[in-house]
Amino acid sequence: MCTYSISISDSLLENVRSAFPNEESMEQWIQKQMDIILLDFVSKQRKNTSTELTLSQRLRGIASAPKDFDYKQELANRYEA
């Protein structure tokens, strides 16, 4: 596990400290909060770099369809089942 040094305002920490029975439980809570923040960040990064095409990219693909392509028939075929 990596260790980083961070700074937290003394007055802010004092306001939080009273919610915990001891220093160890507060440290565990802070660790969990950091884990949540980092997991959320990673999730958003992955979503931004997803290989799934955006709506505008899919619409651009329509412009390159063959001239005789029947869009209505394609949609009908897609939803028949």
N, C-alpha and C. Protein backbone atom coordinates (compact mmCIF):
# COMPACT_ATOMS: atom_id res chain seq x y z
N MET A 1 0.84 -1.17 0.00
CA MET A 1 0.00 0.00 0.00
C MET A 1 0.89 1.24 0.00
N CYS A 2 0.51 2.23 -0.78
CA CYS A 2 1.25 3.49 -0.84
C CYS A 2 0.88 4.38 0.33
N THR A 3 1.80 5.25 0.69
CA THR A 3 1.55 6.21 1.76
C THR A 3 1.81 7.60 1.22
N TYR A 4 0.83 8.50 1.41
CA TYR A 4 0.96 9.89 1.01
C TYR A 4 0.74 10.78 2.22
N SER A 5 1.39 11.89 2.21
CA SER A 5 1.22 12.85 3.28
C SER A 5 0.26 13.93 2.80
N ILE A 6 -0.82 14.16 3.55
CA ILE A 6 -1.77 15.22 3.19
C ILE A 6 -1.92 16.16 4.38
N SER A 7 -2.38 17.36 4.10
CA SER A 7 -2.61 18.34 5.16
C SER A 7 -4.10 18.58 5.31
N ILE A 8 -4.56 18.59 6.55
CA ILE A 8 -5.97 18.83 6.85
C ILE A 8 -6.02 19.94 7.89
N SER A 9 -6.91 20.86 7.70
CA SER A 9 -7.07 21.97 8.63
C SER A 9 -7.33 21.45 10.05
N ASP A 10 -6.59 21.97 11.02
CA ASP A 10 -6.77 21.56 12.41
C ASP A 10 -8.19 21.81 12.90
N SER A 11 -8.74 22.96 12.58
CA SER A 11 -10.10 23.27 13.06
C SER A 11 -11.13 22.35 12.41
N LEU A 12 -10.95 22.02 11.15
CA LEU A 12 -11.86 21.10 10.48
C LEU A 12 -11.77 19.71 11.11
N LEU A 13 -10.56 19.26 11.35
CA LEU A 13 -10.36 17.95 11.95
C LEU A 13 -10.94 17.88 13.37
N GLU A 14 -10.84 18.96 14.11
CA GLU A 14 -11.41 18.99 15.46
C GLU A 14 -12.92 18.83 15.41
N ASN A 15 -13.55 19.43 14.42
CA ASN A 15 -15.01 19.28 14.28
C ASN A 15 -15.40 17.84 13.96
N VAL A 16 -14.58 17.14 13.25
CA VAL A 16 -14.85 15.75 12.87
C VAL A 16 -14.48 14.79 13.99
N ARG A 17 -13.40 15.06 14.66
CA ARG A 17 -12.86 14.15 15.68
C ARG A 17 -13.91 13.74 16.73
N SER A 18 -14.76 14.64 17.13
CA SER A 18 -15.75 14.34 18.17
C SER A 18 -16.77 13.27 17.75
N ALA A 19 -16.86 13.00 16.45
CA ALA A 19 -17.80 11.99 15.95
C ALA A 19 -17.26 10.57 16.07
N PHE A 20 -16.00 10.42 16.47
CA PHE A 20 -15.37 9.10 16.53
C PHE A 20 -14.94 8.78 17.96
N PRO A 21 -15.03 7.50 18.32
CA PRO A 21 -14.65 7.12 19.69
C PRO A 21 -13.14 7.20 19.96
N ASN A 22 -12.35 7.06 18.89
CA ASN A 22 -10.89 7.12 19.08
C ASN A 22 -10.20 7.50 17.76
N GLU A 23 -8.92 7.75 17.84
CA GLU A 23 -8.12 8.19 16.68
C GLU A 23 -8.09 7.12 15.58
N GLU A 24 -7.99 5.86 15.99
CA GLU A 24 -7.92 4.77 15.02
C GLU A 24 -9.19 4.67 14.16
N SER A 25 -10.34 4.80 14.79
CA SER A 25 -11.58 4.72 14.02
C SER A 25 -11.71 5.90 13.05
N MET A 26 -11.23 7.08 13.46
CA MET A 26 -11.25 8.23 12.57
C MET A 26 -10.31 8.00 11.37
N GLU A 27 -9.14 7.45 11.62
CA GLU A 27 -8.19 7.16 10.55
C GLU A 27 -8.76 6.16 9.56
N GLN A 28 -9.46 5.14 10.08
CA GLN A 28 -10.08 4.15 9.20
C GLN A 28 -11.15 4.80 8.33
N TRP A 29 -11.93 5.70 8.93
CA TRP A 29 -12.97 6.39 8.18
C TRP A 29 -12.35 7.26 7.09
N ILE A 30 -11.30 7.99 7.42
CA ILE A 30 -10.62 8.83 6.42
C ILE A 30 -10.08 7.97 5.29
N GLN A 31 -9.50 6.82 5.62
CA GLN A 31 -8.99 5.91 4.60
C GLN A 31 -10.11 5.45 3.67
N LYS A 32 -11.25 5.07 4.24
CA LYS A 32 -12.38 4.64 3.41
C LYS A 32 -12.86 5.76 2.50
N GLN A 33 -12.90 6.97 3.02
CA GLN A 33 -13.34 8.12 2.21
C GLN A 33 -12.40 8.34 1.03
N MET A 34 -11.10 8.23 1.29
CA MET A 34 -10.11 8.39 0.20
C MET A 34 -10.26 7.28 -0.83
N ASP A 35 -10.50 6.06 -0.38
CA ASP A 35 -10.72 4.94 -1.30
C ASP A 35 -11.92 5.22 -2.20
N ILE A 36 -13.00 5.72 -1.61
CA ILE A 36 -14.21 6.02 -2.38
C ILE A 36 -13.92 7.10 -3.42
N ILE A 37 -13.23 8.14 -3.01
CA ILE A 37 -12.90 9.25 -3.92
C ILE A 37 -12.05 8.74 -5.09
N LEU A 38 -11.05 7.93 -4.79
CA LEU A 38 -10.16 7.44 -5.85
C LEU A 38 -10.86 6.45 -6.78
N LEU A 39 -11.70 5.58 -6.23
CA LEU A 39 -12.46 4.65 -7.07
C LEU A 39 -13.41 5.39 -7.99
N ASP A 40 -14.04 6.44 -7.48
CA ASP A 40 -14.93 7.25 -8.30
C ASP A 40 -14.15 7.93 -9.43
N PHE A 41 -12.99 8.45 -9.10
CA PHE A 41 -12.14 9.09 -10.10
C PHE A 41 -11.76 8.10 -11.21
N VAL A 42 -11.32 6.91 -10.83
CA VAL A 42 -10.93 5.89 -11.81
C VAL A 42 -12.12 5.50 -12.68
N SER A 43 -13.28 5.35 -12.06
CA SER A 43 -14.49 5.00 -12.81
C SER A 43 -14.82 6.06 -13.86
N LYS A 44 -14.74 7.33 -13.47
CA LYS A 44 -15.02 8.41 -14.41
C LYS A 44 -13.98 8.47 -15.53
N GLN A 45 -12.73 8.20 -15.21
CA GLN A 45 -11.67 8.19 -16.23
C GLN A 45 -11.93 7.09 -17.24
N ARG A 46 -12.30 5.92 -16.76
CA ARG A 46 -12.58 4.80 -17.67
C ARG A 46 -13.78 5.11 -18.56
N LYS A 47 -14.79 5.74 -17.97
CA LYS A 47 -15.98 6.10 -18.74
C LYS A 47 -15.62 7.08 -19.84
N ASN A 48 -14.73 8.02 -19.55
CA ASN A 48 -14.32 9.02 -20.54
C ASN A 48 -13.47 8.42 -21.65
N THR A 49 -12.79 7.32 -21.39
CA THR A 49 -11.94 6.70 -22.40
C THR A 49 -12.57 5.44 -22.98
N SER A 50 -13.86 5.28 -22.75
CA SER A 50 -14.58 4.11 -23.24
C SER A 50 -14.51 4.03 -24.76
N THR A 51 -14.49 2.81 -25.29
CA THR A 51 -14.45 2.62 -26.74
C THR A 51 -15.84 2.67 -27.35
N GLU A 52 -16.88 2.78 -26.52
CA GLU A 52 -18.24 2.86 -27.04
C GLU A 52 -18.41 4.18 -27.81
N LEU A 53 -19.06 4.09 -28.94
CA LEU A 53 -19.26 5.28 -29.77
C LEU A 53 -20.30 6.20 -29.15
N THR A 54 -20.05 7.48 -29.25
CA THR A 54 -21.02 8.46 -28.79
C THR A 54 -22.13 8.57 -29.83
N LEU A 55 -23.21 9.23 -29.46
CA LEU A 55 -24.32 9.40 -30.40
C LEU A 55 -23.87 10.13 -31.66
N SER A 56 -23.10 11.18 -31.51
CA SER A 56 -22.65 11.93 -32.69
C SER A 56 -21.75 11.07 -33.58
N GLN A 57 -20.94 10.21 -32.98
CA GLN A 57 -20.09 9.33 -33.79
C GLN A 57 -20.95 8.31 -34.54
N ARG A 58 -21.99 7.79 -33.91
CA ARG A 58 -22.88 6.84 -34.59
C ARG A 58 -23.63 7.54 -35.72
N LEU A 59 -24.06 8.78 -35.49
CA LEU A 59 -24.78 9.52 -36.53
C LEU A 59 -23.88 9.82 -37.71
N ARG A 60 -22.60 10.09 -37.46
CA ARG A 60 -21.67 10.32 -38.57
C ARG A 60 -21.55 9.07 -39.43
N GLY A 61 -21.66 7.91 -38.79
CA GLY A 61 -21.57 6.66 -39.53
C GLY A 61 -22.73 6.48 -40.51
N ILE A 62 -23.88 7.05 -40.21
CA ILE A 62 -25.03 6.97 -41.11
C ILE A 62 -24.72 7.65 -42.44
N ALA A 63 -24.00 8.75 -42.37
CA ALA A 63 -23.68 9.50 -43.58
C ALA A 63 -22.86 8.68 -44.57
N SER A 64 -22.18 7.67 -44.09
CA SER A 64 -21.35 6.87 -44.98
C SER A 64 -22.03 5.56 -45.38
N ALA A 65 -23.33 5.43 -45.10
CA ALA A 65 -24.07 4.22 -45.49
C ALA A 65 -24.26 4.21 -47.01
N PRO A 66 -24.44 3.02 -47.59
CA PRO A 66 -24.66 2.91 -49.05
C PRO A 66 -25.88 3.73 -49.48
N LYS A 67 -25.86 4.19 -50.71
CA LYS A 67 -26.91 5.06 -51.23
C LYS A 67 -28.30 4.42 -51.16
N ASP A 68 -28.37 3.11 -51.40
CA ASP A 68 -29.67 2.44 -51.43
C ASP A 68 -30.05 1.81 -50.07
N PHE A 69 -29.38 2.17 -49.02
CA PHE A 69 -29.63 1.62 -47.70
C PHE A 69 -31.00 2.08 -47.20
N ASP A 70 -31.82 1.14 -46.76
CA ASP A 70 -33.18 1.44 -46.29
C ASP A 70 -33.17 1.54 -44.76
N TYR A 71 -33.14 2.76 -44.25
CA TYR A 71 -33.06 2.97 -42.80
C TYR A 71 -34.30 2.44 -42.08
N LYS A 72 -35.47 2.69 -42.67
CA LYS A 72 -36.71 2.23 -42.03
C LYS A 72 -36.74 0.71 -41.95
N GLN A 73 -36.33 0.05 -43.01
CA GLN A 73 -36.32 -1.41 -43.01
C GLN A 73 -35.29 -1.94 -42.00
N GLU A 74 -34.16 -1.28 -41.92
CA GLU A 74 -33.14 -1.67 -40.94
C GLU A 74 -33.69 -1.59 -39.53
N LEU A 75 -34.38 -0.52 -39.20
CA LEU A 75 -34.98 -0.38 -37.86
C LEU A 75 -36.06 -1.43 -37.63
N ALA A 76 -36.89 -1.66 -38.64
CA ALA A 76 -37.94 -2.68 -38.51
C ALA A 76 -37.33 -4.04 -38.24
N ASN A 77 -36.28 -4.38 -38.98
CA ASN A 77 -35.61 -5.67 -38.79
C ASN A 77 -34.98 -5.77 -37.41
N ARG A 78 -34.49 -4.67 -36.91
CA ARG A 78 -33.81 -4.65 -35.61
C ARG A 78 -34.78 -4.95 -34.47
N TYR A 79 -36.02 -4.45 -34.59
CA TYR A 79 -36.97 -4.60 -33.50
C TYR A 79 -37.97 -5.72 -33.69
N GLU A 80 -37.89 -6.44 -34.81
CA GLU A 80 -38.70 -7.65 -35.00
C GLU A 80 -38.02 -8.80 -34.29
N ALA A 81 -38.74 -9.52 -33.52
CA ALA A 81 -38.16 -10.71 -32.89
C ALA A 81 -39.12 -11.39 -31.99
